[in-house]
Protein backbone atom coordinates (compact mmCIF):
# COMPACT_ATOMS: atom_id res chain seq x y z
CA UNK A 1 55.35 108.52 73.06
CA UNK A 2 56.09 109.90 69.62
CA UNK A 3 56.69 113.60 69.17
CA UNK A 4 53.68 114.07 66.92
CA UNK A 5 50.69 115.89 68.40
CA UNK A 6 48.57 113.57 70.50
CA UNK A 7 44.92 113.46 71.36
CA UNK A 8 44.19 114.89 74.83
CA UNK A 9 41.72 113.06 77.04
CA UNK A 10 40.69 114.64 80.34
CA UNK A 11 39.14 112.16 82.78
CA UNK A 12 36.87 114.23 85.01
CA UNK A 13 33.35 114.95 86.15
CA UNK A 14 31.70 116.74 83.24
CA UNK A 15 30.06 119.86 84.67
CA UNK A 16 29.98 123.61 83.86
CA UNK A 17 33.29 124.20 85.66
CA UNK A 18 35.15 121.43 83.83
CA UNK A 19 33.64 122.55 80.51
CA UNK A 20 34.96 126.06 81.13
CA UNK A 21 38.40 124.66 81.97
CA UNK A 22 38.42 122.61 78.77
CA UNK A 23 37.48 125.70 76.72
CA UNK A 24 40.46 127.55 78.25
CA UNK A 25 42.77 124.66 77.40
CA UNK A 26 41.53 124.50 73.82
CA UNK A 27 42.00 128.24 73.35
CA UNK A 28 45.55 128.11 74.70
CA UNK A 29 46.59 124.89 72.91
CA UNK A 30 44.82 125.54 69.62
CA UNK A 31 43.34 122.06 69.30
CA UNK A 32 40.57 119.91 70.76
CA UNK A 33 40.51 118.45 74.26
CA UNK A 34 38.14 115.52 74.84
CA UNK A 35 36.52 114.88 78.22
CA UNK A 36 35.25 111.58 79.55
CA UNK A 37 33.48 110.68 82.78
CA UNK A 38 35.64 109.01 85.41
CA UNK A 39 33.85 105.66 85.10
CA UNK A 40 33.87 105.61 81.28
CA UNK A 41 36.60 103.80 79.39
CA UNK A 42 36.91 104.92 75.75
CA UNK A 43 38.88 103.17 73.01
CA UNK A 44 42.56 103.60 73.82
CA UNK A 45 43.96 101.60 70.92
CA UNK A 46 44.08 104.33 68.29
CA UNK A 47 46.28 107.42 67.92
CA UNK A 48 48.66 108.82 70.50
CA UNK A 49 46.77 109.79 73.62
CA UNK A 50 47.63 111.93 76.62
CA UNK A 51 45.30 110.90 79.46
CA UNK A 52 44.98 113.47 82.25
CA UNK A 53 43.34 112.19 85.43
CA UNK A 54 41.41 114.74 87.50
CA UNK A 55 42.15 113.58 91.05
CA UNK A 56 39.31 115.66 92.48
CA UNK A 57 36.91 113.17 90.88
CA UNK A 58 38.83 109.88 90.91
CA UNK A 59 39.12 107.38 93.75
CA UNK A 60 42.21 105.25 94.37
CA UNK A 61 40.42 102.36 92.68
CA UNK A 62 39.57 104.58 89.72
CA UNK A 63 43.19 105.64 89.31
CA UNK A 64 44.37 102.02 89.41
CA UNK A 65 41.71 101.12 86.83
CA UNK A 66 43.12 103.69 84.41
CA UNK A 67 46.69 102.61 85.12
CA UNK A 68 45.75 99.02 84.30
CA UNK A 69 44.04 100.20 81.10
CA UNK A 70 47.17 101.98 79.80
CA UNK A 71 49.77 99.43 80.95
CA UNK A 72 51.78 98.12 78.02
CA UNK A 73 50.43 100.70 75.57
CA UNK A 74 53.27 102.74 74.08
CA UNK A 75 50.82 105.18 72.48
CA UNK A 76 49.52 106.50 75.81
CA UNK A 77 50.98 108.90 78.38
CA UNK A 78 49.38 109.32 81.79
CA UNK A 79 49.32 112.52 83.85
CA UNK A 80 47.61 113.64 87.05
CA UNK A 81 45.77 116.93 87.51
CA UNK A 82 44.69 118.63 90.78
CA UNK A 83 47.51 117.04 92.77
CA UNK A 84 47.43 118.49 96.28
CA UNK A 85 51.15 119.04 96.71
CA UNK A 86 54.58 117.44 96.57
CA UNK A 87 53.86 114.83 99.26
CA UNK A 88 50.72 113.79 97.37
CA UNK A 89 52.77 113.60 94.14
CA UNK A 90 55.36 111.31 95.75
CA UNK A 91 52.57 109.05 97.00
CA UNK A 92 51.02 108.91 93.51
CA UNK A 93 54.33 108.13 91.82
CA UNK A 94 54.85 105.15 94.11
CA UNK A 95 51.82 103.39 92.61
CA UNK A 96 51.13 105.02 89.22
CA UNK A 97 53.33 105.33 86.12
CA UNK A 98 52.80 109.06 85.61
CA UNK A 99 54.67 111.17 83.08
CA UNK A 100 53.15 114.45 84.25
CA UNK A 101 52.13 116.09 87.54
CA UNK A 102 49.90 119.19 87.63
CA UNK A 103 49.20 120.85 90.98
CA UNK A 104 45.92 122.45 92.03
CA UNK A 105 47.39 125.93 92.01
CA UNK A 106 48.98 125.64 88.56
CA UNK A 107 47.77 128.28 86.11
CA UNK A 108 46.12 127.34 82.82
CA UNK A 109 49.17 128.74 81.03
CA UNK A 110 51.52 126.48 83.02
CA UNK A 111 49.27 123.46 82.47
CA UNK A 112 49.29 124.11 78.72
CA UNK A 113 53.08 124.37 78.75
CA UNK A 114 53.22 121.03 80.55
CA UNK A 115 50.81 119.41 78.11
CA UNK A 116 52.93 120.53 75.18
CA UNK A 117 56.02 119.07 76.88
CA UNK A 118 54.23 115.76 77.45
CA UNK A 119 53.08 115.68 73.84
CA UNK A 120 56.70 116.03 72.72
CA UNK A 121 57.64 112.97 74.82
CA UNK A 122 59.13 114.80 77.82
CA UNK A 123 58.27 114.39 81.49
CA UNK A 124 56.52 117.25 83.29
CA UNK A 125 57.38 117.45 86.98
CA UNK A 126 58.89 120.16 89.15
CA UNK A 127 62.63 120.08 89.69
CA UNK A 128 62.06 119.72 93.44
CA UNK A 129 59.84 116.66 92.89
CA UNK A 130 62.32 115.05 90.49
CA UNK A 131 65.14 115.61 92.99
CA UNK A 132 63.07 114.10 95.79
CA UNK A 133 62.18 111.04 93.71
CA UNK A 134 65.85 110.48 92.79
CA UNK A 135 66.85 110.67 96.47
CA UNK A 136 64.06 108.25 97.37
CA UNK A 137 65.16 105.83 94.64
CA UNK A 138 68.77 105.92 95.84
CA UNK A 139 67.69 105.22 99.42
CA UNK A 140 65.47 102.36 98.29
CA UNK A 141 68.25 100.86 96.16
CA UNK A 142 70.51 100.73 99.21
CA UNK A 143 67.84 98.64 100.94
CA UNK A 144 66.95 96.51 97.90
CA UNK A 145 65.88 93.01 99.01
CA UNK A 146 67.81 93.37 102.25
CA UNK A 147 66.23 92.02 105.46
CA UNK A 148 65.07 95.16 107.28
CA UNK A 149 63.97 95.63 110.90
CA UNK A 150 64.39 91.90 111.47
CA UNK A 151 61.84 90.90 108.81
CA UNK A 152 62.15 87.33 107.61
CA UNK A 153 62.16 86.41 103.91
CA UNK A 154 58.54 85.25 104.18
CA UNK A 155 57.56 88.55 105.84
CA UNK A 156 59.30 90.46 103.04
CA UNK A 157 57.31 88.42 100.52
CA UNK A 158 54.06 89.25 102.31
CA UNK A 159 54.77 92.97 102.65
CA UNK A 160 55.70 93.00 98.96
CA UNK A 161 52.33 91.49 98.04
CA UNK A 162 50.63 93.88 100.45
CA UNK A 163 52.09 96.73 98.42
CA UNK A 164 50.30 95.48 95.31
CA UNK A 165 46.93 95.83 97.05
CA UNK A 166 46.44 92.08 97.51
CA UNK A 167 43.94 90.92 100.12
CA UNK A 168 44.80 88.41 102.84
CA UNK A 169 43.01 85.73 100.85
CA UNK A 170 44.98 86.56 97.68
CA UNK A 171 48.28 86.57 99.60
CA UNK A 172 47.40 83.19 101.13
CA UNK A 173 46.58 81.75 97.71
CA UNK A 174 49.78 83.12 96.15
CA UNK A 175 52.02 81.75 98.91
CA UNK A 176 50.09 78.49 99.47
CA UNK A 177 49.39 79.21 103.15
CA UNK A 178 46.22 79.78 105.18
CA UNK A 179 44.67 83.20 105.80
CA UNK A 180 45.32 82.64 109.51
CA UNK A 181 49.05 82.28 108.75
CA UNK A 182 48.97 85.50 106.70
CA UNK A 183 47.27 87.36 109.58
CA UNK A 184 49.92 86.07 111.99
CA UNK A 185 52.70 87.25 109.70
CA UNK A 186 51.04 90.67 109.30
CA UNK A 187 50.81 91.02 113.08
CA UNK A 188 54.54 90.32 113.37
CA UNK A 189 55.35 92.67 110.48
CA UNK A 190 53.35 95.54 112.00
CA UNK A 191 55.10 95.01 115.35
CA UNK A 192 58.59 94.90 113.86
CA UNK A 193 58.26 98.00 111.66
CA UNK A 194 56.15 99.84 114.26
CA UNK A 195 53.02 100.49 112.22
CA UNK A 196 49.34 99.93 113.01
CA UNK A 197 47.62 99.16 109.71
CA UNK A 198 48.07 98.01 106.12
CA UNK A 199 48.33 101.52 104.67
CA UNK A 200 51.14 102.46 107.06
CA UNK A 201 52.91 99.18 106.22
CA UNK A 202 52.60 99.89 102.49
CA UNK A 203 54.03 103.39 102.97
CA UNK A 204 56.90 101.94 105.01
CA UNK A 205 57.64 99.43 102.25
CA UNK A 206 57.65 102.16 99.60
CA UNK A 207 60.16 104.16 101.63
CA UNK A 208 62.43 101.28 102.62
CA UNK A 209 62.20 98.57 99.97
CA UNK A 210 63.29 99.13 96.37
CA UNK A 211 60.74 96.92 94.63
CA UNK A 212 58.83 93.66 94.80
CA UNK A 213 60.74 90.68 93.34
CA UNK A 214 59.17 89.76 89.97
CA UNK A 215 57.83 86.39 91.15
CA UNK A 216 55.65 88.13 93.71
CA UNK A 217 54.12 90.82 91.52
CA UNK A 218 50.35 90.68 91.33
CA UNK A 219 48.88 89.69 87.98
CA UNK A 220 46.65 92.23 86.27
CA UNK A 221 43.01 91.22 86.31
CA UNK A 222 40.87 91.40 83.22
């Protein structure tokens, strides 16, 4: 994003507490901060915008909705606020393209410093988090597209689609197989990588596979 001052949009539940927080931000930053309800979607096509997602009031689906809304827009930076801790941050960064991470215990002064850094085009994450993400990326690169734990190529395709949030029906449609076949593959995948559900399988894939091959990436819905 350009270095010029950007509009700040806080996606949160608008209540007395959030209004007080916004007043503090405005006093510290010296310019306006706009708030919008978590389900609202304002015009994102004008100006440079820093969107800050309040995770205390956004579901996983809500976060993905905002990510989809800003994808491909060079004028928008996305940050997360009220992140629970470093583990939560790593989980978020595996599915969201975030430029900034603000923890629950961050002071208003530190948050303002981070906002100013984001407005100048820099990332805002702790050094420990950046180091952890680099180590994770290196480990994933070593395993990139390699058969792991005895998974077949078809099973790697399915676990890749699983990581995009695709349903069994969507996976079946993408791979031109039946839902029954997908369920059978998922059973074998869970057994081989020693997990019990889809979420655990997705977390395993994020730790052990570098990325999903382009031909298997899920298309954004409109």
